[in-house]
Amino acid sequence: MNSAYACLAVAIVAEVIATSCLKASEGFTRLWPSLATVAGYGTAFYFLSLTLHTIPTGVAYAIWSGVGVVLISLVGWLAFQQSLDAAAVIGMGLIVAGVVVINLFSKVGH
């Protein structure tokens, strides 16, 4: 894995943590989850910006948002007991398929 994709992975994980903490912050009324949200999003955008030195913006954002949607949905299901219906699961499957197609077949950013 090259450093751009490592930075993108860090950005994705930081965004998922920040979004999870955003839910836990209860509208920024709880201090520690609120601080973790701000720090997580700051980290996510910093590492995403490093990624954009190498990977085109559209490709990086497609991967970042696609993987992030799936991961935060998994966190919502596991940590917050949020359920997904069949349409949501199918839609996320299509997002994953799109990310796979970009990574396997696109010459952009590789």
C-alpha atoms as a PDB file:
ATOM      1  CA  MET A   1       0.000   0.000   0.000  1.00  0.00           C
ATOM      2  CA  ASN A   2       1.463   3.343  -0.962  1.00  0.00           C
ATOM      3  CA  SER A   3       1.478   6.319   1.366  1.00  0.00           C
ATOM      4  CA  ALA A   4      -1.454   8.066  -0.348  1.00  0.00           C
ATOM      5  CA  TYR A   5      -3.697   5.081   0.299  1.00  0.00           C
ATOM      6  CA  ALA A   6      -2.366   4.791   3.848  1.00  0.00           C
ATOM      7  CA  CYS A   7      -3.307   8.454   4.402  1.00  0.00           C
ATOM      8  CA  LEU A   8      -6.714   7.771   2.876  1.00  0.00           C
ATOM      9  CA  ALA A   9      -7.220   4.833   5.251  1.00  0.00           C
ATOM     10  CA  VAL A  10      -6.350   7.056   8.235  1.00  0.00           C
ATOM     11  CA  ALA A  11      -8.780   9.702   6.934  1.00  0.00           C
ATOM     12  CA  ILE A  12     -11.563   7.133   6.642  1.00  0.00           C
ATOM     13  CA  VAL A  13     -11.018   5.705  10.119  1.00  0.00           C
ATOM     14  CA  ALA A  14     -10.818   9.197  11.655  1.00  0.00           C
ATOM     15  CA  GLU A  15     -14.052  10.199   9.911  1.00  0.00           C
ATOM     16  CA  VAL A  16     -15.851   7.093  11.146  1.00  0.00           C
ATOM     17  CA  ILE A  17     -14.664   7.742  14.708  1.00  0.00           C
ATOM     18  CA  ALA A  18     -15.690  11.409  14.455  1.00  0.00           C
ATOM     19  CA  THR A  19     -19.141  10.544  13.132  1.00  0.00           C
ATOM     20  CA  SER A  20     -19.635   7.971  15.870  1.00  0.00           C
ATOM     21  CA  CYS A  21     -18.647  10.551  18.455  1.00  0.00           C
ATOM     22  CA  LEU A  22     -20.974  13.086  16.824  1.00  0.00           C
ATOM     23  CA  LYS A  23     -23.874  10.747  17.557  1.00  0.00           C
ATOM     24  CA  ALA A  24     -22.602  10.260  21.117  1.00  0.00           C
ATOM     25  CA  SER A  25     -22.158  14.027  21.637  1.00  0.00           C
ATOM     26  CA  GLU A  26     -25.945  14.437  21.700  1.00  0.00           C
ATOM     27  CA  GLY A  27     -25.938  17.713  19.786  1.00  0.00           C
ATOM     28  CA  PHE A  28     -22.612  18.851  21.254  1.00  0.00           C
ATOM     29  CA  THR A  29     -24.031  18.771  24.773  1.00  0.00           C
ATOM     30  CA  ARG A  30     -21.478  16.208  26.016  1.00  0.00           C
ATOM     31  CA  LEU A  31     -17.893  17.500  26.297  1.00  0.00           C
ATOM     32  CA  TRP A  32     -15.682  14.497  25.526  1.00  0.00           C
ATOM     33  CA  PRO A  33     -17.607  13.148  22.537  1.00  0.00           C
ATOM     34  CA  SER A  34     -17.813  16.731  21.214  1.00  0.00           C
ATOM     35  CA  LEU A  35     -14.050  17.202  21.488  1.00  0.00           C
ATOM     36  CA  ALA A  36     -13.444  13.803  19.897  1.00  0.00           C
ATOM     37  CA  THR A  37     -15.750  14.795  17.022  1.00  0.00           C
ATOM     38  CA  VAL A  38     -13.811  17.980  16.292  1.00  0.00           C
ATOM     39  CA  ALA A  39     -10.441  16.220  16.593  1.00  0.00           C
ATOM     40  CA  GLY A  40     -11.605  13.312  14.444  1.00  0.00           C
ATOM     41  CA  TYR A  41     -12.904  15.497  11.631  1.00  0.00           C
ATOM     42  CA  GLY A  42      -9.763  17.649  11.775  1.00  0.00           C
ATOM     43  CA  THR A  43      -7.627  14.524  11.467  1.00  0.00           C
ATOM     44  CA  ALA A  44      -9.810  13.135   8.691  1.00  0.00           C
ATOM     45  CA  PHE A  45      -9.617  16.272   6.572  1.00  0.00           C
ATOM     46  CA  TYR A  46      -5.882  16.677   7.160  1.00  0.00           C
ATOM     47  CA  PHE A  47      -5.141  13.142   5.976  1.00  0.00           C
ATOM     48  CA  LEU A  48      -7.620  13.466   3.112  1.00  0.00           C
ATOM     49  CA  SER A  49      -5.765  16.603   2.009  1.00  0.00           C
ATOM     50  CA  LEU A  50      -2.481  14.641   1.990  1.00  0.00           C
ATOM     51  CA  THR A  51      -4.144  12.001  -0.147  1.00  0.00           C
ATOM     52  CA  LEU A  52      -5.124  14.603  -2.727  1.00  0.00           C
ATOM     53  CA  HIS A  53      -1.464  15.258  -3.571  1.00  0.00           C
ATOM     54  CA  THR A  54      -1.439  11.908  -5.370  1.00  0.00           C
ATOM     55  CA  ILE A  55      -4.946  10.566  -5.883  1.00  0.00           C
ATOM     56  CA  PRO A  56      -7.418  12.615  -7.963  1.00  0.00           C
ATOM     57  CA  THR A  57     -10.091  14.315  -5.874  1.00  0.00           C
ATOM     58  CA  GLY A  58     -13.028  12.398  -7.355  1.00  0.00           C
ATOM     59  CA  VAL A  59     -11.403   9.006  -6.847  1.00  0.00           C
ATOM     60  CA  ALA A  60     -10.229   9.794  -3.309  1.00  0.00           C
ATOM     61  CA  TYR A  61     -13.617  11.172  -2.336  1.00  0.00           C
ATOM     62  CA  ALA A  62     -15.472   8.213  -3.854  1.00  0.00           C
ATOM     63  CA  ILE A  63     -13.362   5.790  -1.826  1.00  0.00           C
ATOM     64  CA  TRP A  64     -13.468   7.934   1.338  1.00  0.00           C
ATOM     65  CA  SER A  65     -17.198   8.431   1.300  1.00  0.00           C
ATOM     66  CA  GLY A  66     -18.086   4.930   0.076  1.00  0.00           C
ATOM     67  CA  VAL A  67     -16.014   3.069   2.613  1.00  0.00           C
ATOM     68  CA  GLY A  68     -17.034   5.582   5.285  1.00  0.00           C
ATOM     69  CA  VAL A  69     -20.747   5.002   4.631  1.00  0.00           C
ATOM     70  CA  VAL A  70     -20.368   1.263   5.005  1.00  0.00           C
ATOM     71  CA  LEU A  71     -18.187   1.480   8.121  1.00  0.00           C
ATOM     72  CA  ILE A  72     -20.362   4.042   9.903  1.00  0.00           C
ATOM     73  CA  SER A  73     -23.430   1.950   9.114  1.00  0.00           C
ATOM     74  CA  LEU A  74     -21.686  -1.029  10.703  1.00  0.00           C
ATOM     75  CA  VAL A  75     -20.791   1.068  13.761  1.00  0.00           C
ATOM     76  CA  GLY A  76     -24.388   2.314  13.962  1.00  0.00           C
ATOM     77  CA  TRP A  77     -25.651  -1.253  13.879  1.00  0.00           C
ATOM     78  CA  LEU A  78     -23.140  -2.556  16.458  1.00  0.00           C
ATOM     79  CA  ALA A  79     -22.835   0.397  18.842  1.00  0.00           C
ATOM     80  CA  PHE A  80     -26.174   2.175  18.537  1.00  0.00           C
ATOM     81  CA  GLN A  81     -28.478  -0.752  17.662  1.00  0.00           C
ATOM     82  CA  GLN A  82     -29.583   0.971  14.441  1.00  0.00           C
ATOM     83  CA  SER A  83     -31.094  -1.352  11.877  1.00  0.00           C
ATOM     84  CA  LEU A  84     -30.821  -1.336   8.109  1.00  0.00           C
ATOM     85  CA  ASP A  85     -33.496  -2.460   5.702  1.00  0.00           C
ATOM     86  CA  ALA A  86     -32.885  -4.474   2.539  1.00  0.00           C
ATOM     87  CA  ALA A  87     -32.785  -1.373   0.317  1.00  0.00           C
ATOM     88  CA  ALA A  88     -30.068   0.208   2.501  1.00  0.00           C
ATOM     89  CA  VAL A  89     -27.980  -2.970   2.429  1.00  0.00           C
ATOM     90  CA  ILE A  90     -28.364  -3.293  -1.352  1.00  0.00           C
ATOM     91  CA  GLY A  91     -27.455   0.366  -1.818  1.00  0.00           C
ATOM     92  CA  MET A  92     -24.341  -0.031   0.306  1.00  0.00           C
ATOM     93  CA  GLY A  93     -23.452  -3.126  -1.687  1.00  0.00           C
ATOM     94  CA  LEU A  94     -23.605  -1.024  -4.843  1.00  0.00           C
ATOM     95  CA  ILE A  95     -21.361   1.593  -3.219  1.00  0.00           C
ATOM     96  CA  VAL A  96     -18.833  -1.101  -2.325  1.00  0.00           C
ATOM     97  CA  ALA A  97     -19.050  -2.453  -5.879  1.00  0.00           C
ATOM     98  CA  GLY A  98     -18.285   1.027  -7.205  1.00  0.00           C
ATOM     99  CA  VAL A  99     -15.248   1.390  -4.962  1.00  0.00           C
ATOM    100  CA  VAL A 100     -14.005  -2.050  -6.059  1.00  0.00           C
ATOM    101  CA  VAL A 101     -14.453  -1.149  -9.741  1.00  0.00           C
ATOM    102  CA  ILE A 102     -12.506   2.087  -9.256  1.00  0.00           C
ATOM    103  CA  ASN A 103      -9.656   0.307  -7.484  1.00  0.00           C
ATOM    104  CA  LEU A 104      -9.439  -2.691  -9.806  1.00  0.00           C
ATOM    105  CA  PHE A 105     -10.059  -1.144 -13.201  1.00  0.00           C
ATOM    106  CA  SER A 106      -9.298   2.579 -13.096  1.00  0.00           C
ATOM    107  CA  LYS A 107      -5.817   3.718 -14.078  1.00  0.00           C
ATOM    108  CA  VAL A 108      -6.428   7.087 -12.404  1.00  0.00           C
ATOM    109  CA  GLY A 109      -4.432   7.583  -9.225  1.00  0.00           C
ATOM    110  CA  HIS A 110      -2.562   4.271  -9.358  1.00  0.00           C
END
